Amino acid sequence: MLVIVDGPPGATGKNARYPAVPITMKYFSATSIDFILDDYNRNDEKEIAKIWSVSCCMAGISHTKSEIKFEKGGVILE
């Protein structure tokens, strides 16, 4: 499954996009999921991706994190 996270807007609040991973994992825990986070050039998105990565490690979920060349930056956790 591929989940693309491109909202809500950054002005919504700090780490507004964070819930995408824990909520998706709650309902699709038996599924292989890749997450793409848009706007990775922003500090908030960098922090969110770091939190996601740490959360995966703590849960014993093997993953890689790679930057993607988008207009405003992107990152994929797979």
PDB file of N, CA and C in Angstrom:
ATOM      1  N   MET A   1       0.856  -1.157   0.000  1.00  0.00           N
ATOM      2  CA  MET A   1       0.000   0.000   0.000  1.00  0.00           C
ATOM      3  C   MET A   1       0.908   1.227   0.000  1.00  0.00           C
ATOM      4  N   LEU A   2       0.507   2.241  -0.734  1.00  0.00           N
ATOM      5  CA  LEU A   2       1.234   3.508  -0.758  1.00  0.00           C
ATOM      6  C   LEU A   2       0.337   4.589  -0.181  1.00  0.00           C
ATOM      7  N   VAL A   3       0.844   5.296   0.826  1.00  0.00           N
ATOM      8  CA  VAL A   3       0.115   6.401   1.444  1.00  0.00           C
ATOM      9  C   VAL A   3       0.890   7.676   1.156  1.00  0.00           C
ATOM     10  N   ILE A   4       0.243   8.629   0.499  1.00  0.00           N
ATOM     11  CA  ILE A   4       0.856   9.920   0.198  1.00  0.00           C
ATOM     12  C   ILE A   4       0.271  10.949   1.155  1.00  0.00           C
ATOM     13  N   VAL A   5       1.150  11.597   1.920  1.00  0.00           N
ATOM     14  CA  VAL A   5       0.719  12.577   2.917  1.00  0.00           C
ATOM     15  C   VAL A   5       1.090  13.966   2.402  1.00  0.00           C
ATOM     16  N   ASP A   6       0.074  14.711   1.963  1.00  0.00           N
ATOM     17  CA  ASP A   6       0.278  16.049   1.397  1.00  0.00           C
ATOM     18  C   ASP A   6      -0.724  17.019   2.009  1.00  0.00           C
ATOM     19  N   GLY A   7      -1.026  16.857   3.231  1.00  0.00           N
ATOM     20  CA  GLY A   7      -1.961  17.731   3.916  1.00  0.00           C
ATOM     21  C   GLY A   7      -2.184  17.158   5.293  1.00  0.00           C
ATOM     22  N   PRO A   8      -2.734  17.895   6.188  1.00  0.00           N
ATOM     23  CA  PRO A   8      -3.270  19.241   6.018  1.00  0.00           C
ATOM     24  C   PRO A   8      -2.151  20.266   5.831  1.00  0.00           C
ATOM     25  N   PRO A   9      -2.527  21.504   5.478  1.00  0.00           N
ATOM     26  CA  PRO A   9      -1.526  22.554   5.267  1.00  0.00           C
ATOM     27  C   PRO A   9      -0.677  22.776   6.520  1.00  0.00           C
ATOM     28  N   GLY A  10       0.549  23.224   6.312  1.00  0.00           N
ATOM     29  CA  GLY A  10       1.454  23.479   7.425  1.00  0.00           C
ATOM     30  C   GLY A  10       0.901  24.468   8.433  1.00  0.00           C
ATOM     31  N   ALA A  11       0.058  25.398   7.973  1.00  0.00           N
ATOM     32  CA  ALA A  11      -0.510  26.420   8.860  1.00  0.00           C
ATOM     33  C   ALA A  11      -1.533  25.836   9.838  1.00  0.00           C
ATOM     34  N   THR A  12      -1.933  24.586   9.640  1.00  0.00           N
ATOM     35  CA  THR A  12      -2.919  23.950  10.517  1.00  0.00           C
ATOM     36  C   THR A  12      -2.409  23.864  11.951  1.00  0.00           C
ATOM     37  N   GLY A  13      -1.130  23.603  12.096  1.00  0.00           N
ATOM     38  CA  GLY A  13      -0.536  23.488  13.426  1.00  0.00           C
ATOM     39  C   GLY A  13       0.697  22.613  13.380  1.00  0.00           C
ATOM     40  N   LYS A  14       1.470  22.654  14.443  1.00  0.00           N
ATOM     41  CA  LYS A  14       2.709  21.887  14.517  1.00  0.00           C
ATOM     42  C   LYS A  14       2.423  20.388  14.392  1.00  0.00           C
ATOM     43  N   ASN A  15       3.216  19.747  13.545  1.00  0.00           N
ATOM     44  CA  ASN A  15       3.129  18.296  13.324  1.00  0.00           C
ATOM     45  C   ASN A  15       1.732  17.831  12.916  1.00  0.00           C
ATOM     46  N   ALA A  16       1.026  18.667  12.161  1.00  0.00           N
ATOM     47  CA  ALA A  16      -0.352  18.350  11.759  1.00  0.00           C
ATOM     48  C   ALA A  16      -0.443  17.066  10.936  1.00  0.00           C
ATOM     49  N   ARG A  17       0.626  16.701  10.242  1.00  0.00           N
ATOM     50  CA  ARG A  17       0.601  15.505   9.392  1.00  0.00           C
ATOM     51  C   ARG A  17       1.044  14.241  10.132  1.00  0.00           C
ATOM     52  N   TYR A  18       1.515  14.400  11.340  1.00  0.00           N
ATOM     53  CA  TYR A  18       2.026  13.258  12.106  1.00  0.00           C
ATOM     54  C   TYR A  18       1.042  12.094  12.206  1.00  0.00           C
ATOM     55  N   PRO A  19      -0.245  12.324  12.494  1.00  0.00           N
ATOM     56  CA  PRO A  19      -1.160  11.196  12.730  1.00  0.00           C
ATOM     57  C   PRO A  19      -1.317  10.229  11.552  1.00  0.00           C
ATOM     58  N   ALA A  20      -0.877  10.599  10.370  1.00  0.00           N
ATOM     59  CA  ALA A  20      -1.067   9.738   9.196  1.00  0.00           C
ATOM     60  C   ALA A  20      -0.491   8.336   9.399  1.00  0.00           C
ATOM     61  N   VAL A  21       0.712   8.241   9.939  1.00  0.00           N
ATOM     62  CA  VAL A  21       1.336   6.922  10.109  1.00  0.00           C
ATOM     63  C   VAL A  21       0.675   6.112  11.225  1.00  0.00           C
ATOM     64  N   PRO A  22       0.554   6.642  12.446  1.00  0.00           N
ATOM     65  CA  PRO A  22      -0.047   5.802  13.487  1.00  0.00           C
ATOM     66  C   PRO A  22      -1.484   5.377  13.191  1.00  0.00           C
ATOM     67  N   ILE A  23      -2.263   6.250  12.581  1.00  0.00           N
ATOM     68  CA  ILE A  23      -3.650   5.879  12.272  1.00  0.00           C
ATOM     69  C   ILE A  23      -3.688   4.812  11.184  1.00  0.00           C
ATOM     70  N   THR A  24      -2.873   4.990  10.137  1.00  0.00           N
ATOM     71  CA  THR A  24      -2.834   3.994   9.060  1.00  0.00           C
ATOM     72  C   THR A  24      -2.353   2.650   9.598  1.00  0.00           C
ATOM     73  N   MET A  25      -1.312   2.672  10.419  1.00  0.00           N
ATOM     74  CA  MET A  25      -0.775   1.427  10.974  1.00  0.00           C
ATOM     75  C   MET A  25      -1.790   0.733  11.883  1.00  0.00           C
ATOM     76  N   LYS A  26      -2.613   1.511  12.560  1.00  0.00           N
ATOM     77  CA  LYS A  26      -3.630   0.929  13.443  1.00  0.00           C
ATOM     78  C   LYS A  26      -4.609   0.059  12.655  1.00  0.00           C
ATOM     79  N   TYR A  27      -4.994   0.525  11.478  1.00  0.00           N
ATOM     80  CA  TYR A  27      -6.016  -0.181  10.703  1.00  0.00           C
ATOM     81  C   TYR A  27      -5.457  -1.141   9.657  1.00  0.00           C
ATOM     82  N   PHE A  28      -4.181  -1.000   9.313  1.00  0.00           N
ATOM     83  CA  PHE A  28      -3.586  -1.844   8.279  1.00  0.00           C
ATOM     84  C   PHE A  28      -2.277  -2.466   8.765  1.00  0.00           C
ATOM     85  N   SER A  29      -2.229  -2.892   9.998  1.00  0.00           N
ATOM     86  CA  SER A  29      -0.987  -3.387  10.597  1.00  0.00           C
ATOM     87  C   SER A  29      -0.430  -4.630   9.908  1.00  0.00           C
ATOM     88  N   ALA A  30      -1.263  -5.402   9.258  1.00  0.00           N
ATOM     89  CA  ALA A  30      -0.798  -6.623   8.592  1.00  0.00           C
ATOM     90  C   ALA A  30      -0.388  -6.376   7.141  1.00  0.00           C
ATOM     91  N   THR A  31      -0.383  -5.109   6.731  1.00  0.00           N
ATOM     92  CA  THR A  31      -0.104  -4.742   5.344  1.00  0.00           C
ATOM     93  C   THR A  31       1.263  -4.089   5.232  1.00  0.00           C
ATOM     94  N   SER A  32       1.961  -4.351   4.130  1.00  0.00           N
ATOM     95  CA  SER A  32       3.210  -3.641   3.845  1.00  0.00           C
ATOM     96  C   SER A  32       2.840  -2.249   3.331  1.00  0.00           C
ATOM     97  N   ILE A  33       3.343  -1.212   3.991  1.00  0.00           N
ATOM     98  CA  ILE A  33       2.939   0.155   3.665  1.00  0.00           C
ATOM     99  C   ILE A  33       4.171   1.022   3.440  1.00  0.00           C
ATOM    100  N   ASP A  34       4.150   1.809   2.373  1.00  0.00           N
ATOM    101  CA  ASP A  34       5.147   2.845   2.121  1.00  0.00           C
ATOM    102  C   ASP A  34       4.459   4.189   2.303  1.00  0.00           C
ATOM    103  N   PHE A  35       5.165   5.123   2.934  1.00  0.00           N
ATOM    104  CA  PHE A  35       4.622   6.462   3.165  1.00  0.00           C
ATOM    105  C   PHE A  35       5.474   7.489   2.443  1.00  0.00           C
ATOM    106  N   ILE A  36       4.824   8.375   1.696  1.00  0.00           N
ATOM    107  CA  ILE A  36       5.504   9.516   1.093  1.00  0.00           C
ATOM    108  C   ILE A  36       4.989  10.766   1.785  1.00  0.00           C
ATOM    109  N   LEU A  37       5.918  11.577   2.275  1.00  0.00           N
ATOM    110  CA  LEU A  37       5.581  12.840   2.923  1.00  0.00           C
ATOM    111  C   LEU A  37       6.066  13.972   2.038  1.00  0.00           C
ATOM    112  N   ASP A  38       5.150  14.814   1.584  1.00  0.00           N
ATOM    113  CA  ASP A  38       5.483  15.953   0.725  1.00  0.00           C
ATOM    114  C   ASP A  38       5.958  17.123   1.580  1.00  0.00           C
ATOM    115  N   ASP A  39       6.559  18.097   0.936  1.00  0.00           N
ATOM    116  CA  ASP A  39       7.011  19.345   1.579  1.00  0.00           C
ATOM    117  C   ASP A  39       8.116  19.097   2.604  1.00  0.00           C
ATOM    118  N   TYR A  40       8.976  18.142   2.332  1.00  0.00           N
ATOM    119  CA  TYR A  40      10.031  17.753   3.266  1.00  0.00           C
ATOM    120  C   TYR A  40      11.086  18.838   3.473  1.00  0.00           C
ATOM    121  N   ASN A  41      11.068  19.882   2.652  1.00  0.00           N
ATOM    122  CA  ASN A  41      12.003  20.992   2.858  1.00  0.00           C
ATOM    123  C   ASN A  41      11.663  21.787   4.116  1.00  0.00           C
ATOM    124  N   ARG A  42      10.456  21.628   4.630  1.00  0.00           N
ATOM    125  CA  ARG A  42      10.043  22.360   5.833  1.00  0.00           C
ATOM    126  C   ARG A  42      10.533  21.636   7.087  1.00  0.00           C
ATOM    127  N   ASN A  43      10.906  22.414   8.090  1.00  0.00           N
ATOM    128  CA  ASN A  43      11.413  21.836   9.345  1.00  0.00           C
ATOM    129  C   ASN A  43      10.390  20.935  10.022  1.00  0.00           C
ATOM    130  N   ASP A  44       9.127  21.326   9.986  1.00  0.00           N
ATOM    131  CA  ASP A  44       8.083  20.529  10.634  1.00  0.00           C
ATOM    132  C   ASP A  44       7.994  19.136  10.009  1.00  0.00           C
ATOM    133  N   GLU A  45       8.072  19.072   8.682  1.00  0.00           N
ATOM    134  CA  GLU A  45       7.999  17.772   8.001  1.00  0.00           C
ATOM    135  C   GLU A  45       9.230  16.925   8.301  1.00  0.00           C
ATOM    136  N   LYS A  46      10.390  17.559   8.416  1.00  0.00           N
ATOM    137  CA  LYS A  46      11.599  16.812   8.788  1.00  0.00           C
ATOM    138  C   LYS A  46      11.433  16.203  10.183  1.00  0.00           C
ATOM    139  N   GLU A  47      10.849  16.970  11.087  1.00  0.00           N
ATOM    140  CA  GLU A  47      10.611  16.475  12.446  1.00  0.00           C
ATOM    141  C   GLU A  47       9.603  15.323  12.439  1.00  0.00           C
ATOM    142  N   ILE A  48       8.546  15.461  11.639  1.00  0.00           N
ATOM    143  CA  ILE A  48       7.533  14.404  11.546  1.00  0.00           C
ATOM    144  C   ILE A  48       8.155  13.110  11.027  1.00  0.00           C
ATOM    145  N   ALA A  49       8.952  13.204   9.960  1.00  0.00           N
ATOM    146  CA  ALA A  49       9.590  12.012   9.393  1.00  0.00           C
ATOM    147  C   ALA A  49      10.517  11.354  10.413  1.00  0.00           C
ATOM    148  N   LYS A  50      11.207  12.164  11.200  1.00  0.00           N
ATOM    149  CA  LYS A  50      12.091  11.618  12.236  1.00  0.00           C
ATOM    150  C   LYS A  50      11.273  10.886  13.301  1.00  0.00           C
ATOM    151  N   ILE A  51      10.169  11.489  13.721  1.00  0.00           N
ATOM    152  CA  ILE A  51       9.301  10.851  14.720  1.00  0.00           C
ATOM    153  C   ILE A  51       8.741   9.545  14.167  1.00  0.00           C
ATOM    154  N   TRP A  52       8.299   9.559  12.902  1.00  0.00           N
ATOM    155  CA  TRP A  52       7.785   8.337  12.277  1.00  0.00           C
ATOM    156  C   TRP A  52       8.851   7.246  12.290  1.00  0.00           C
ATOM    157  N   SER A  53      10.070   7.617  11.909  1.00  0.00           N
ATOM    158  CA  SER A  53      11.158   6.648  11.832  1.00  0.00           C
ATOM    159  C   SER A  53      11.474   6.060  13.212  1.00  0.00           C
ATOM    160  N   VAL A  54      11.555   6.911  14.217  1.00  0.00           N
ATOM    161  CA  VAL A  54      11.818   6.448  15.584  1.00  0.00           C
ATOM    162  C   VAL A  54      10.688   5.537  16.063  1.00  0.00           C
ATOM    163  N   SER A  55       9.455   5.909  15.767  1.00  0.00           N
ATOM    164  CA  SER A  55       8.301   5.096  16.166  1.00  0.00           C
ATOM    165  C   SER A  55       8.360   3.714  15.522  1.00  0.00           C
ATOM    166  N   CYS A  56       8.746   3.668  14.248  1.00  0.00           N
ATOM    167  CA  CYS A  56       8.878   2.375  13.558  1.00  0.00           C
ATOM    168  C   CYS A  56       9.961   1.527  14.221  1.00  0.00           C
ATOM    169  N   CYS A  57      11.094   2.145  14.537  1.00  0.00           N
ATOM    170  CA  CYS A  57      12.185   1.413  15.195  1.00  0.00           C
ATOM    171  C   CYS A  57      11.736   0.860  16.541  1.00  0.00           C
ATOM    172  N   MET A  58      11.049   1.687  17.310  1.00  0.00           N
ATOM    173  CA  MET A  58      10.586   1.257  18.633  1.00  0.00           C
ATOM    174  C   MET A  58       9.575   0.119  18.536  1.00  0.00           C
ATOM    175  N   ALA A  59       8.821   0.078  17.431  1.00  0.00           N
ATOM    176  CA  ALA A  59       7.829  -0.977  17.229  1.00  0.00           C
ATOM    177  C   ALA A  59       8.435  -2.207  16.552  1.00  0.00           C
ATOM    178  N   GLY A  60       9.736  -2.141  16.251  1.00  0.00           N
ATOM    179  CA  GLY A  60      10.403  -3.265  15.607  1.00  0.00           C
ATOM    180  C   GLY A  60      10.090  -3.388  14.128  1.00  0.00           C
ATOM    181  N   ILE A  61       9.681  -2.285  13.511  1.00  0.00           N
ATOM    182  CA  ILE A  61       9.337  -2.285  12.088  1.00  0.00           C
ATOM    183  C   ILE A  61      10.557  -1.855  11.285  1.00  0.00           C
ATOM    184  N   SER A  62      11.053  -2.764  10.469  1.00  0.00           N
ATOM    185  CA  SER A  62      12.201  -2.472   9.616  1.00  0.00           C
ATOM    186  C   SER A  62      11.772  -1.523   8.501  1.00  0.00           C
ATOM    187  N   HIS A  63      12.575  -0.493   8.254  1.00  0.00           N
ATOM    188  CA  HIS A  63      12.222   0.479   7.221  1.00  0.00           C
ATOM    189  C   HIS A  63      13.462   1.240   6.773  1.00  0.00           C
ATOM    190  N   THR A  64      13.324   1.930   5.656  1.00  0.00           N
ATOM    191  CA  THR A  64      14.348   2.863   5.195  1.00  0.00           C
ATOM    192  C   THR A  64      13.682   4.209   4.978  1.00  0.00           C
ATOM    193  N   LYS A  65      14.479   5.265   5.089  1.00  0.00           N
ATOM    194  CA  LYS A  65      13.984   6.622   4.876  1.00  0.00           C
ATOM    195  C   LYS A  65      14.863   7.260   3.817  1.00  0.00           C
ATOM    196  N   SER A  66      14.264   7.700   2.703  1.00  0.00           N
ATOM    197  CA  SER A  66      15.021   8.279   1.598  1.00  0.00           C
ATOM    198  C   SER A  66      14.362   9.557   1.119  1.00  0.00           C
ATOM    199  N   GLU A  67      15.192  10.569   0.849  1.00  0.00           N
ATOM    200  CA  GLU A  67      14.655  11.814   0.308  1.00  0.00           C
ATOM    201  C   GLU A  67      14.296  11.634  -1.161  1.00  0.00           C
ATOM    202  N   ILE A  68      13.268  12.362  -1.587  1.00  0.00           N
ATOM    203  CA  ILE A  68      12.792  12.349  -2.969  1.00  0.00           C
ATOM    204  C   ILE A  68      12.884  13.774  -3.496  1.00  0.00           C
ATOM    205  N   LYS A  69      13.282  13.930  -4.743  1.00  0.00           N
ATOM    206  CA  LYS A  69      13.386  15.267  -5.333  1.00  0.00           C
ATOM    207  C   LYS A  69      12.029  15.716  -5.854  1.00  0.00           C
ATOM    208  N   PHE A  70      11.291  16.406  -5.001  1.00  0.00           N
ATOM    209  CA  PHE A  70      10.036  17.054  -5.365  1.00  0.00           C
ATOM    210  C   PHE A  70      10.287  18.554  -5.346  1.00  0.00           C
ATOM    211  N   GLU A  71       9.339  19.321  -5.855  1.00  0.00           N
ATOM    212  CA  GLU A  71       9.473  20.779  -5.870  1.00  0.00           C
ATOM    213  C   GLU A  71       9.769  21.327  -4.472  1.00  0.00           C
ATOM    214  N   LYS A  72       9.050  20.844  -3.474  1.00  0.00           N
ATOM    215  CA  LYS A  72       9.238  21.302  -2.090  1.00  0.00           C
ATOM    216  C   LYS A  72       9.851  20.209  -1.223  1.00  0.00           C
ATOM    217  N   GLY A  73      10.466  19.247  -1.863  1.00  0.00           N
ATOM    218  CA  GLY A  73      11.096  18.149  -1.144  1.00  0.00           C
ATOM    219  C   GLY A  73      10.098  17.061  -0.791  1.00  0.00           C
ATOM    220  N   GLY A  74      10.610  15.886  -0.596  1.00  0.00           N
ATOM    221  CA  GLY A  74       9.775  14.760  -0.203  1.00  0.00           C
ATOM    222  C   GLY A  74      10.633  13.712   0.468  1.00  0.00           C
ATOM    223  N   VAL A  75       9.997  12.816   1.182  1.00  0.00           N
ATOM    224  CA  VAL A  75      10.698  11.713   1.825  1.00  0.00           C
ATOM    225  C   VAL A  75       9.788  10.487   1.750  1.00  0.00           C
ATOM    226  N   ILE A  76      10.416   9.325   1.587  1.00  0.00           N
ATOM    227  CA  ILE A  76       9.651   8.081   1.576  1.00  0.00           C
ATOM    228  C   ILE A  76      10.170   7.179   2.687  1.00  0.00           C
ATOM    229  N   LEU A  77       9.250   6.630   3.437  1.00  0.00           N
ATOM    230  CA  LEU A  77       9.555   5.586   4.414  1.00  0.00           C
ATOM    231  C   LEU A  77       9.002   4.301   3.826  1.00  0.00           C
ATOM    232  N   GLU A  78       9.896   3.343   3.596  1.00  0.00           N
ATOM    233  CA  GLU A  78       9.453   2.078   3.013  1.00  0.00           C
ATOM    234  C   GLU A  78      10.052   0.915   3.749  1.00  0.00           C
TER     235      GLU A  78
END
